[in-house]
Amino acid sequence: MVDFSFDFKDIKKYEQKNSKNTLRVCNPTRSFIKYLDDKKQLRITKFLGTT
């Protein structure tokens, strides 16, 4: 079983930004997982100071 770490704020931001659903049968959709991964990569890039 895969453990996902996201909260309601992430779900709300994603659904406001996109017209897609975040969860399907209590599991996150692939597009939402990609959104979370991109968000983490953006944080790393900002931390390193390269934009």
Protein backbone atom coordinates (compact mmCIF):
# COMPACT_ATOMS: atom_id res chain seq x y z
CA MET A 1 0.00 0.00 0.00
CA VAL A 2 1.32 3.41 -0.97
CA ASP A 3 1.30 6.20 1.59
CA PHE A 4 0.46 9.62 0.15
CA SER A 5 1.14 12.84 1.99
CA PHE A 6 -1.22 15.65 1.07
CA ASP A 7 -3.83 17.65 2.88
CA PHE A 8 -7.12 19.33 2.15
CA LYS A 9 -5.36 22.55 1.09
CA ASP A 10 -3.57 20.67 -1.71
CA ILE A 11 -6.84 19.14 -2.87
CA LYS A 12 -8.62 22.49 -2.85
CA LYS A 13 -5.82 24.29 -4.73
CA TYR A 14 -5.65 21.56 -7.37
CA GLU A 15 -9.41 21.52 -7.97
CA GLN A 16 -9.53 25.33 -8.24
CA LYS A 17 -6.62 25.36 -10.68
CA ASN A 18 -7.81 22.43 -12.82
CA SER A 19 -11.20 21.13 -13.80
CA LYS A 20 -10.21 17.57 -12.90
CA ASN A 21 -11.02 15.47 -9.83
CA THR A 22 -8.33 14.72 -7.29
CA LEU A 23 -9.65 11.48 -5.86
CA ARG A 24 -11.21 8.44 -7.43
CA VAL A 25 -12.43 5.64 -5.14
CA CYS A 26 -10.37 7.01 -2.23
CA ASN A 27 -7.17 7.01 -4.30
CA PRO A 28 -5.54 10.08 -5.85
CA THR A 29 -5.68 10.35 -9.62
CA ARG A 30 -2.51 10.23 -11.69
CA SER A 31 -2.80 13.90 -12.64
CA PHE A 32 -3.06 14.88 -8.95
CA ILE A 33 0.00 12.77 -8.08
CA LYS A 34 1.91 14.50 -10.89
CA TYR A 35 0.76 17.90 -9.56
CA LEU A 36 2.08 17.02 -6.08
CA ASP A 37 5.41 15.84 -7.52
CA ASP A 38 5.78 19.02 -9.58
CA LYS A 39 5.00 21.07 -6.48
CA LYS A 40 7.79 19.33 -4.54
CA GLN A 41 10.26 19.87 -7.38
CA LEU A 42 9.35 23.56 -7.51
CA ARG A 43 10.09 23.89 -3.78
CA ILE A 44 13.52 22.29 -4.29
CA THR A 45 14.28 24.61 -7.20
CA LYS A 46 13.29 27.69 -5.20
CA PHE A 47 15.44 26.52 -2.26
CA LEU A 48 18.48 26.09 -4.48
CA GLY A 49 17.93 29.55 -5.96
CA THR A 50 17.83 28.45 -9.58
CA THR A 51 14.73 29.54 -11.46
